[in-house]
Amino acid sequence: MLDKLKELWQPSPVVIVDIAIVLYLLYRLYILIRGTRAVQLLKGLVILVFVNLLSQFIGLTVTNWLVEQILTVGIVALPIIFYPELRRALEHLGRGSFFTKPTFLSGDERIQAADELIMALVQLADRRIGALVIWEQETGLKDWSETGVNIDAVLTSELILNIFEPNTPLHDGAVILRGDRVRAASCYLPLSDSPELKVGLGTRHRAGVGITEQSDAIAIIVSEETGAISLAHEGKLTRYLDEKSLRDWMENNLHRRPPDNLFRRMQFNGKD
């Protein structure tokens, strides 16, 4: 069996170079779409292809036929689904940035950024200045950050305070963070229509919950009326956090998923 495989697989240098180019392009494409919702769609497509091959190998005729029909429709719909990402890839290629090296952030930088963020949020809460900060996690938020003003600056408490200062150009809308950087400000987010949310909750809280329903981001909201700090994650809203409870939650979330009992212990409804 191995001898037959060796006879069939005798790649020339040209074939090796060809495969290397394709693999590199696929890698660069993944780096490009890694910060968008397209990654989740791509993962689903890979799973469907795997199920198709597995069902064909095992002999599951009906399952194989069904998956093939889904793949046929999916392939036709791919240009529509990935239109923003395809346009962005062409723009990057035209600017020559498609082949630039990506940057990654360490955990220590994220912890330091959390300290800066909490310091700013506590001051905003004391002054009763409304704020909405979204911290990007694994699922990218490019689609929503592009609705606002690009910042791309290191996260500091002074920067957050200046952004949300009343009567300034960027105070209205959400700030989106990525790692230890402020990615964009004055961003528009999807509003949650969950019936579990209290009727009296304002737009900031519904936007914070809405973005966590569509991604794994963390949303921190400061109420303009009461100065209360709330946190939204996975579509659940936690109200009236103090500095210690917010810091504990953030430290747990930076490294691993927070324990369910901690989240339930802090969660309750109240006035906005």
C-alpha atoms as a PDB file:
ATOM      1  CA  MET A   1       0.000   0.000   0.000  1.00  0.00           C
ATOM      2  CA  LEU A   2       2.783   2.411   0.914  1.00  0.00           C
ATOM      3  CA  ASP A   3       4.642   1.564  -2.295  1.00  0.00           C
ATOM      4  CA  LYS A   4       1.590   2.419  -4.374  1.00  0.00           C
ATOM      5  CA  LEU A   5       1.181   5.719  -2.560  1.00  0.00           C
ATOM      6  CA  LYS A   6       4.829   6.543  -3.176  1.00  0.00           C
ATOM      7  CA  GLU A   7       4.387   5.802  -6.882  1.00  0.00           C
ATOM      8  CA  LEU A   8       1.324   8.060  -7.081  1.00  0.00           C
ATOM      9  CA  TRP A   9       2.881  10.808  -4.996  1.00  0.00           C
ATOM     10  CA  GLN A  10       6.131  11.909  -6.599  1.00  0.00           C
ATOM     11  CA  PRO A  11       5.892  15.695  -6.567  1.00  0.00           C
ATOM     12  CA  SER A  12       8.238  17.753  -8.673  1.00  0.00           C
ATOM     13  CA  PRO A  13       9.802  20.984  -7.362  1.00  0.00           C
ATOM     14  CA  VAL A  14       7.201  22.955  -9.314  1.00  0.00           C
ATOM     15  CA  VAL A  15       4.350  21.092  -7.591  1.00  0.00           C
ATOM     16  CA  ILE A  16       5.893  21.706  -4.167  1.00  0.00           C
ATOM     17  CA  VAL A  17       6.222  25.431  -4.887  1.00  0.00           C
ATOM     18  CA  ASP A  18       2.641  25.490  -6.195  1.00  0.00           C
ATOM     19  CA  ILE A  19       1.290  23.857  -3.012  1.00  0.00           C
ATOM     20  CA  ALA A  20       3.362  26.174  -0.813  1.00  0.00           C
ATOM     21  CA  ILE A  21       1.946  29.244  -2.569  1.00  0.00           C
ATOM     22  CA  VAL A  22      -1.629  28.016  -2.161  1.00  0.00           C
ATOM     23  CA  LEU A  23      -1.100  27.216   1.531  1.00  0.00           C
ATOM     24  CA  TYR A  24       0.438  30.630   2.147  1.00  0.00           C
ATOM     25  CA  LEU A  25      -2.437  32.402   0.402  1.00  0.00           C
ATOM     26  CA  LEU A  26      -4.930  30.433   2.477  1.00  0.00           C
ATOM     27  CA  TYR A  27      -3.036  31.361   5.622  1.00  0.00           C
ATOM     28  CA  ARG A  28      -3.030  35.056   4.696  1.00  0.00           C
ATOM     29  CA  LEU A  29      -6.748  34.855   3.884  1.00  0.00           C
ATOM     30  CA  TYR A  30      -7.432  33.366   7.303  1.00  0.00           C
ATOM     31  CA  ILE A  31      -5.407  36.136   8.981  1.00  0.00           C
ATOM     32  CA  LEU A  32      -7.455  38.677   7.047  1.00  0.00           C
ATOM     33  CA  ILE A  33     -10.883  37.297   8.010  1.00  0.00           C
ATOM     34  CA  ARG A  34      -9.870  36.236  11.518  1.00  0.00           C
ATOM     35  CA  GLY A  35     -11.293  39.430  12.945  1.00  0.00           C
ATOM     36  CA  THR A  36     -14.743  38.995  11.379  1.00  0.00           C
ATOM     37  CA  ARG A  37     -17.822  36.801  11.708  1.00  0.00           C
ATOM     38  CA  ALA A  38     -16.762  35.079   8.486  1.00  0.00           C
ATOM     39  CA  VAL A  39     -14.480  32.822  10.534  1.00  0.00           C
ATOM     40  CA  GLN A  40     -17.466  31.120  12.129  1.00  0.00           C
ATOM     41  CA  LEU A  41     -19.078  30.608   8.707  1.00  0.00           C
ATOM     42  CA  LEU A  42     -15.834  29.188   7.362  1.00  0.00           C
ATOM     43  CA  LYS A  43     -15.614  26.746  10.273  1.00  0.00           C
ATOM     44  CA  GLY A  44     -19.155  25.583   9.531  1.00  0.00           C
ATOM     45  CA  LEU A  45     -18.237  25.050   5.882  1.00  0.00           C
ATOM     46  CA  VAL A  46     -15.181  22.971   6.842  1.00  0.00           C
ATOM     47  CA  ILE A  47     -17.354  20.810   9.104  1.00  0.00           C
ATOM     48  CA  LEU A  48     -19.827  20.223   6.271  1.00  0.00           C
ATOM     49  CA  VAL A  49     -17.013  19.180   3.910  1.00  0.00           C
ATOM     50  CA  PHE A  50     -15.660  16.789   6.552  1.00  0.00           C
ATOM     51  CA  VAL A  51     -19.123  15.268   7.123  1.00  0.00           C
ATOM     52  CA  ASN A  52     -19.551  14.900   3.367  1.00  0.00           C
ATOM     53  CA  LEU A  53     -16.281  12.995   2.980  1.00  0.00           C
ATOM     54  CA  LEU A  54     -16.949  10.869   6.057  1.00  0.00           C
ATOM     55  CA  SER A  55     -20.473   9.925   4.975  1.00  0.00           C
ATOM     56  CA  GLN A  56     -19.200   9.047   1.512  1.00  0.00           C
ATOM     57  CA  PHE A  57     -16.446   6.877   2.964  1.00  0.00           C
ATOM     58  CA  ILE A  58     -18.771   5.048   5.374  1.00  0.00           C
ATOM     59  CA  GLY A  59     -21.524   4.647   2.811  1.00  0.00           C
ATOM     60  CA  LEU A  60     -24.265   6.833   4.308  1.00  0.00           C
ATOM     61  CA  THR A  61     -26.001   7.546   1.020  1.00  0.00           C
ATOM     62  CA  VAL A  62     -28.870   9.686   2.260  1.00  0.00           C
ATOM     63  CA  THR A  63     -26.683  11.752   4.583  1.00  0.00           C
ATOM     64  CA  ASN A  64     -24.115  12.248   1.836  1.00  0.00           C
ATOM     65  CA  TRP A  65     -26.809  13.416  -0.601  1.00  0.00           C
ATOM     66  CA  LEU A  66     -28.253  15.861   1.930  1.00  0.00           C
ATOM     67  CA  VAL A  67     -24.866  17.367   2.777  1.00  0.00           C
ATOM     68  CA  GLU A  68     -24.011  17.695  -0.918  1.00  0.00           C
ATOM     69  CA  GLN A  69     -27.209  19.683  -1.509  1.00  0.00           C
ATOM     70  CA  ILE A  70     -26.370  21.980   1.404  1.00  0.00           C
ATOM     71  CA  LEU A  71     -22.827  22.465   0.081  1.00  0.00           C
ATOM     72  CA  THR A  72     -24.140  23.270  -3.397  1.00  0.00           C
ATOM     73  CA  VAL A  73     -26.377  26.005  -2.043  1.00  0.00           C
ATOM     74  CA  GLY A  74     -23.625  27.210   0.279  1.00  0.00           C
ATOM     75  CA  ILE A  75     -21.042  27.522  -2.500  1.00  0.00           C
ATOM     76  CA  VAL A  76     -23.459  29.558  -4.604  1.00  0.00           C
ATOM     77  CA  ALA A  77     -24.143  31.842  -1.614  1.00  0.00           C
ATOM     78  CA  LEU A  78     -20.464  32.260  -0.641  1.00  0.00           C
ATOM     79  CA  PRO A  79     -19.817  35.400  -2.752  1.00  0.00           C
ATOM     80  CA  ILE A  80     -22.835  37.059  -1.133  1.00  0.00           C
ATOM     81  CA  ILE A  81     -21.998  35.966   2.411  1.00  0.00           C
ATOM     82  CA  PHE A  82     -18.320  36.892   2.153  1.00  0.00           C
ATOM     83  CA  TYR A  83     -18.796  40.069   0.107  1.00  0.00           C
ATOM     84  CA  PRO A  84     -17.366  42.418   2.801  1.00  0.00           C
ATOM     85  CA  GLU A  85     -14.366  40.142   3.374  1.00  0.00           C
ATOM     86  CA  LEU A  86     -13.679  39.725  -0.372  1.00  0.00           C
ATOM     87  CA  ARG A  87     -13.812  43.481  -0.885  1.00  0.00           C
ATOM     88  CA  ARG A  88     -11.495  44.018   2.083  1.00  0.00           C
ATOM     89  CA  ALA A  89      -9.048  41.413   0.720  1.00  0.00           C
ATOM     90  CA  LEU A  90      -8.877  43.191  -2.639  1.00  0.00           C
ATOM     91  CA  GLU A  91      -8.332  46.525  -0.881  1.00  0.00           C
ATOM     92  CA  HIS A  92      -5.498  45.046   1.203  1.00  0.00           C
ATOM     93  CA  LEU A  93      -3.975  43.531  -1.925  1.00  0.00           C
ATOM     94  CA  GLY A  94      -4.111  46.866  -3.716  1.00  0.00           C
ATOM     95  CA  ARG A  95      -2.428  48.640  -0.802  1.00  0.00           C
ATOM     96  CA  GLY A  96       0.225  45.940  -0.519  1.00  0.00           C
ATOM     97  CA  SER A  97      -0.779  45.123   3.052  1.00  0.00           C
ATOM     98  CA  PHE A  98      -2.002  41.612   2.262  1.00  0.00           C
ATOM     99  CA  PHE A  99       1.467  40.205   2.925  1.00  0.00           C
ATOM    100  CA  THR A 100       2.275  42.191   6.073  1.00  0.00           C
ATOM    101  CA  LYS A 101       3.081  40.297   9.247  1.00  0.00           C
ATOM    102  CA  PRO A 102       0.264  40.141  11.821  1.00  0.00           C
ATOM    103  CA  THR A 103       0.779  41.270  15.410  1.00  0.00           C
ATOM    104  CA  PHE A 104      -0.254  39.390  18.552  1.00  0.00           C
ATOM    105  CA  LEU A 105      -0.710  40.593  22.106  1.00  0.00           C
ATOM    106  CA  SER A 106       0.443  38.927  25.307  1.00  0.00           C
ATOM    107  CA  GLY A 107      -1.700  38.199  28.338  1.00  0.00           C
ATOM    108  CA  ASP A 108       0.233  40.697  30.480  1.00  0.00           C
ATOM    109  CA  GLU A 109      -0.643  43.499  28.072  1.00  0.00           C
ATOM    110  CA  ARG A 110      -4.315  42.564  28.275  1.00  0.00           C
ATOM    111  CA  ILE A 111      -4.216  42.552  32.092  1.00  0.00           C
ATOM    112  CA  GLN A 112      -2.609  45.981  32.134  1.00  0.00           C
ATOM    113  CA  ALA A 113      -5.252  47.178  29.684  1.00  0.00           C
ATOM    114  CA  ALA A 114      -7.980  45.833  31.993  1.00  0.00           C
ATOM    115  CA  ASP A 115      -6.553  47.875  34.871  1.00  0.00           C
ATOM    116  CA  GLU A 116      -6.586  51.028  32.731  1.00  0.00           C
ATOM    117  CA  LEU A 117     -10.146  50.316  31.599  1.00  0.00           C
ATOM    118  CA  ILE A 118     -11.478  49.656  35.104  1.00  0.00           C
ATOM    119  CA  MET A 119      -9.821  52.834  36.393  1.00  0.00           C
ATOM    120  CA  ALA A 120     -11.613  54.857  33.714  1.00  0.00           C
ATOM    121  CA  LEU A 121     -14.973  53.125  34.214  1.00  0.00           C
ATOM    122  CA  VAL A 122     -14.944  53.775  37.961  1.00  0.00           C
ATOM    123  CA  GLN A 123     -14.264  57.469  37.378  1.00  0.00           C
ATOM    124  CA  LEU A 124     -17.028  57.651  34.777  1.00  0.00           C
ATOM    125  CA  ALA A 125     -19.434  55.949  37.185  1.00  0.00           C
ATOM    126  CA  ASP A 126     -18.552  58.404  39.979  1.00  0.00           C
ATOM    127  CA  ARG A 127     -19.275  61.310  37.636  1.00  0.00           C
ATOM    128  CA  ARG A 128     -22.388  59.610  36.202  1.00  0.00           C
ATOM    129  CA  ILE A 129     -21.151  59.833  32.636  1.00  0.00           C
ATOM    130  CA  GLY A 130     -22.695  57.245  30.329  1.00  0.00           C
ATOM    131  CA  ALA A 131     -20.296  54.869  28.585  1.00  0.00           C
ATOM    132  CA  LEU A 132     -20.333  51.682  26.523  1.00  0.00           C
ATOM    133  CA  VAL A 133     -17.091  49.734  26.053  1.00  0.00           C
ATOM    134  CA  ILE A 134     -16.874  46.506  24.048  1.00  0.00           C
ATOM    135  CA  TRP A 135     -13.864  44.219  24.523  1.00  0.00           C
ATOM    136  CA  GLU A 136     -13.304  41.962  21.532  1.00  0.00           C
ATOM    137  CA  GLN A 137     -12.504  38.341  22.334  1.00  0.00           C
ATOM    138  CA  GLU A 138     -12.154  35.433  19.887  1.00  0.00           C
ATOM    139  CA  THR A 139     -14.892  36.551  17.504  1.00  0.00           C
ATOM    140  CA  GLY A 140     -13.784  39.629  15.585  1.00  0.00           C
ATOM    141  CA  LEU A 141     -15.779  42.873  15.551  1.00  0.00           C
ATOM    142  CA  LYS A 142     -14.498  44.467  12.363  1.00  0.00           C
ATOM    143  CA  ASP A 143     -17.981  44.799  10.907  1.00  0.00           C
ATOM    144  CA  TRP A 144     -19.074  46.964  13.835  1.00  0.00           C
ATOM    145  CA  SER A 145     -15.826  48.858  14.402  1.00  0.00           C
ATOM    146  CA  GLU A 146     -16.020  50.119  10.829  1.00  0.00           C
ATOM    147  CA  THR A 147     -19.286  51.897  11.673  1.00  0.00           C
ATOM    148  CA  GLY A 148     -17.379  54.267  13.964  1.00  0.00           C
ATOM    149  CA  VAL A 149     -14.227  56.372  13.902  1.00  0.00           C
ATOM    150  CA  ASN A 150     -10.921  54.535  13.708  1.00  0.00           C
ATOM    151  CA  ILE A 151      -8.665  55.248  16.717  1.00  0.00           C
ATOM    152  CA  ASP A 152      -5.997  52.499  16.865  1.00  0.00           C
ATOM    153  CA  ALA A 153      -4.324  53.821  20.012  1.00  0.00           C
ATOM    154  CA  VAL A 154      -2.957  52.237  23.166  1.00  0.00           C
ATOM    155  CA  LEU A 155      -5.656  51.888  25.813  1.00  0.00           C
ATOM    156  CA  THR A 156      -5.246  54.314  28.707  1.00  0.00           C
ATOM    157  CA  SER A 157      -7.710  55.536  31.290  1.00  0.00           C
ATOM    158  CA  GLU A 158      -7.176  59.121  30.121  1.00  0.00           C
ATOM    159  CA  LEU A 159      -8.117  58.203  26.555  1.00  0.00           C
ATOM    160  CA  ILE A 160     -11.346  56.489  27.649  1.00  0.00           C
ATOM    161  CA  LEU A 161     -12.264  59.472  29.836  1.00  0.00           C
ATOM    162  CA  ASN A 162     -11.653  61.906  26.988  1.00  0.00           C
ATOM    163  CA  ILE A 163     -13.706  59.857  24.528  1.00  0.00           C
ATOM    164  CA  PHE A 164     -16.784  59.742  26.776  1.00  0.00           C
ATOM    165  CA  GLU A 165     -16.516  63.350  27.968  1.00  0.00           C
ATOM    166  CA  PRO A 166     -19.965  64.905  27.373  1.00  0.00           C
ATOM    167  CA  ASN A 167     -20.443  67.185  24.349  1.00  0.00           C
ATOM    168  CA  THR A 168     -17.380  65.795  22.558  1.00  0.00           C
ATOM    169  CA  PRO A 169     -17.545  64.349  19.004  1.00  0.00           C
ATOM    170  CA  LEU A 170     -16.949  60.705  20.022  1.00  0.00           C
ATOM    171  CA  HIS A 171     -18.872  60.402  23.293  1.00  0.00           C
ATOM    172  CA  ASP A 172     -22.010  58.996  21.633  1.00  0.00           C
ATOM    173  CA  GLY A 173     -21.784  55.330  20.669  1.00  0.00           C
ATOM    174  CA  ALA A 174     -19.574  52.434  21.706  1.00  0.00           C
ATOM    175  CA  VAL A 175     -15.814  52.094  22.068  1.00  0.00           C
ATOM    176  CA  ILE A 176     -14.419  48.813  20.739  1.00  0.00           C
ATOM    177  CA  LEU A 177     -11.207  47.407  22.218  1.00  0.00           C
ATOM    178  CA  ARG A 178      -8.933  44.768  20.780  1.00  0.00           C
ATOM    179  CA  GLY A 179      -6.240  43.521  23.112  1.00  0.00           C
ATOM    180  CA  ASP A 180      -4.608  46.548  24.726  1.00  0.00           C
ATOM    181  CA  ARG A 181      -5.667  49.008  22.014  1.00  0.00           C
ATOM    182  CA  VAL A 182      -8.679  51.194  21.405  1.00  0.00           C
ATOM    183  CA  ARG A 183      -9.753  50.102  17.967  1.00  0.00           C
ATOM    184  CA  ALA A 184     -12.642  52.493  17.253  1.00  0.00           C
ATOM    185  CA  ALA A 185     -15.057  54.887  18.942  1.00  0.00           C
ATOM    186  CA  SER A 186     -18.598  56.113  18.281  1.00  0.00           C
ATOM    187  CA  CYS A 187     -19.576  52.704  16.891  1.00  0.00           C
ATOM    188  CA  TYR A 188     -23.126  51.553  16.243  1.00  0.00           C
ATOM    189  CA  LEU A 189     -24.130  48.145  17.635  1.00  0.00           C
ATOM    190  CA  PRO A 190     -27.131  45.837  17.206  1.00  0.00           C
ATOM    191  CA  LEU A 191     -29.821  46.277  19.854  1.00  0.00           C
ATOM    192  CA  SER A 192     -31.091  43.277  21.783  1.00  0.00           C
ATOM    193  CA  ASP A 193     -34.806  42.515  21.707  1.00  0.00           C
ATOM    194  CA  SER A 194     -34.576  39.896  24.442  1.00  0.00           C
ATOM    195  CA  PRO A 195     -37.763  39.743  26.551  1.00  0.00           C
ATOM    196  CA  GLU A 196     -35.599  39.025  29.615  1.00  0.00           C
ATOM    197  CA  LEU A 197     -34.312  42.604  29.649  1.00  0.00           C
ATOM    198  CA  LYS A 198     -36.192  45.040  31.814  1.00  0.00           C
ATOM    199  CA  VAL A 199     -38.367  47.540  29.947  1.00  0.00           C
ATOM    200  CA  GLY A 200     -36.660  50.518  31.578  1.00  0.00           C
ATOM    201  CA  LEU A 201     -33.213  49.676  30.244  1.00  0.00           C
ATOM    202  CA  GLY A 202     -31.799  52.242  27.844  1.00  0.00           C
ATOM    203  CA  THR A 203     -30.127  51.987  24.452  1.00  0.00           C
ATOM    204  CA  ARG A 204     -26.623  51.505  25.912  1.00  0.00           C
ATOM    205  CA  HIS A 205     -27.657  48.407  27.851  1.00  0.00           C
ATOM    206  CA  ARG A 206     -29.576  46.917  24.924  1.00  0.00           C
ATOM    207  CA  ALA A 207     -26.655  47.565  22.589  1.00  0.00           C
ATOM    208  CA  GLY A 208     -24.249  46.000  25.071  1.00  0.00           C
ATOM    209  CA  VAL A 209     -26.380  42.879  25.387  1.00  0.00           C
ATOM    210  CA  GLY A 210     -27.031  42.829  21.626  1.00  0.00           C
ATOM    211  CA  ILE A 211     -23.358  42.625  20.661  1.00  0.00           C
ATOM    212  CA  THR A 212     -22.774  39.800  23.166  1.00  0.00           C
ATOM    213  CA  GLU A 213     -25.673  37.868  21.641  1.00  0.00           C
ATOM    214  CA  GLN A 214     -23.890  37.884  18.277  1.00  0.00           C
ATOM    215  CA  SER A 215     -20.305  37.435  19.494  1.00  0.00           C
ATOM    216  CA  ASP A 216     -18.258  36.383  22.523  1.00  0.00           C
ATOM    217  CA  ALA A 217     -17.312  39.989  23.306  1.00  0.00           C
ATOM    218  CA  ILE A 218     -17.504  41.539  26.770  1.00  0.00           C
ATOM    219  CA  ALA A 219     -19.616  44.694  27.080  1.00  0.00           C
ATOM    220  CA  ILE A 220     -19.270  47.093  30.025  1.00  0.00           C
ATOM    221  CA  ILE A 221     -21.942  49.756  30.431  1.00  0.00           C
ATOM    222  CA  VAL A 222     -22.002  52.800  32.714  1.00  0.00           C
ATOM    223  CA  SER A 223     -25.474  54.213  33.318  1.00  0.00           C
ATOM    224  CA  GLU A 224     -25.800  57.941  32.765  1.00  0.00           C
ATOM    225  CA  GLU A 225     -28.760  58.151  35.171  1.00  0.00           C
ATOM    226  CA  THR A 226     -27.446  56.205  38.159  1.00  0.00           C
ATOM    227  CA  GLY A 227     -23.723  55.742  37.495  1.00  0.00           C
ATOM    228  CA  ALA A 228     -24.174  51.965  37.927  1.00  0.00           C
ATOM    229  CA  ILE A 229     -21.714  49.681  36.142  1.00  0.00           C
ATOM    230  CA  SER A 230     -23.139  46.691  34.266  1.00  0.00           C
ATOM    231  CA  LEU A 231     -21.469  43.879  32.366  1.00  0.00           C
ATOM    232  CA  ALA A 232     -22.895  41.833  29.508  1.00  0.00           C
ATOM    233  CA  HIS A 233     -21.553  38.502  28.272  1.00  0.00           C
ATOM    234  CA  GLU A 234     -23.159  35.754  26.197  1.00  0.00           C
ATOM    235  CA  GLY A 235     -26.403  37.715  26.124  1.00  0.00           C
ATOM    236  CA  LYS A 236     -26.645  37.953  29.929  1.00  0.00           C
ATOM    237  CA  LEU A 237     -26.604  41.259  31.775  1.00  0.00           C
ATOM    238  CA  THR A 238     -25.050  41.683  35.215  1.00  0.00           C
ATOM    239  CA  ARG A 239     -26.054  44.871  37.043  1.00  0.00           C
ATOM    240  CA  TYR A 240     -24.569  47.056  39.780  1.00  0.00           C
ATOM    241  CA  LEU A 241     -20.948  45.908  39.851  1.00  0.00           C
ATOM    242  CA  ASP A 242     -18.423  47.609  42.088  1.00  0.00           C
ATOM    243  CA  GLU A 243     -14.731  47.924  41.292  1.00  0.00           C
ATOM    244  CA  LYS A 244     -13.757  44.676  43.030  1.00  0.00           C
ATOM    245  CA  SER A 245     -16.426  42.472  41.443  1.00  0.00           C
ATOM    246  CA  LEU A 246     -15.730  43.964  38.009  1.00  0.00           C
ATOM    247  CA  ARG A 247     -11.991  43.380  38.409  1.00  0.00           C
ATOM    248  CA  ASP A 248     -12.521  39.778  39.572  1.00  0.00           C
ATOM    249  CA  TRP A 249     -14.781  39.035  36.609  1.00  0.00           C
ATOM    250  CA  MET A 250     -12.399  40.601  34.120  1.00  0.00           C
ATOM    251  CA  GLU A 251      -9.366  38.775  35.500  1.00  0.00           C
ATOM    252  CA  ASN A 252     -11.196  35.443  35.274  1.00  0.00           C
ATOM    253  CA  ASN A 253     -12.445  36.150  31.770  1.00  0.00           C
ATOM    254  CA  LEU A 254      -9.054  37.163  30.395  1.00  0.00           C
ATOM    255  CA  HIS A 255      -7.666  33.653  30.891  1.00  0.00           C
ATOM    256  CA  ARG A 256     -10.606  31.281  31.064  1.00  0.00           C
ATOM    257  CA  ARG A 257     -14.371  31.224  31.005  1.00  0.00           C
ATOM    258  CA  PRO A 258     -15.822  32.625  34.248  1.00  0.00           C
ATOM    259  CA  PRO A 259     -17.462  30.135  36.610  1.00  0.00           C
ATOM    260  CA  ASP A 260     -21.235  29.973  36.218  1.00  0.00           C
ATOM    261  CA  ASN A 261     -21.818  30.352  39.959  1.00  0.00           C
ATOM    262  CA  LEU A 262     -19.843  33.616  39.997  1.00  0.00           C
ATOM    263  CA  PHE A 263     -21.957  34.999  37.184  1.00  0.00           C
ATOM    264  CA  ARG A 264     -25.216  33.918  38.803  1.00  0.00           C
ATOM    265  CA  ARG A 265     -24.140  35.368  42.155  1.00  0.00           C
ATOM    266  CA  MET A 266     -23.646  38.808  40.657  1.00  0.00           C
ATOM    267  CA  GLN A 267     -26.658  38.817  38.345  1.00  0.00           C
ATOM    268  CA  PHE A 268     -29.955  40.500  39.166  1.00  0.00           C
ATOM    269  CA  ASN A 269     -32.304  43.110  37.740  1.00  0.00           C
ATOM    270  CA  GLY A 270     -32.854  46.644  38.939  1.00  0.00           C
ATOM    271  CA  LYS A 271     -33.488  50.175  37.835  1.00  0.00           C
ATOM    272  CA  ASP A 272     -31.342  51.732  35.131  1.00  0.00           C
END
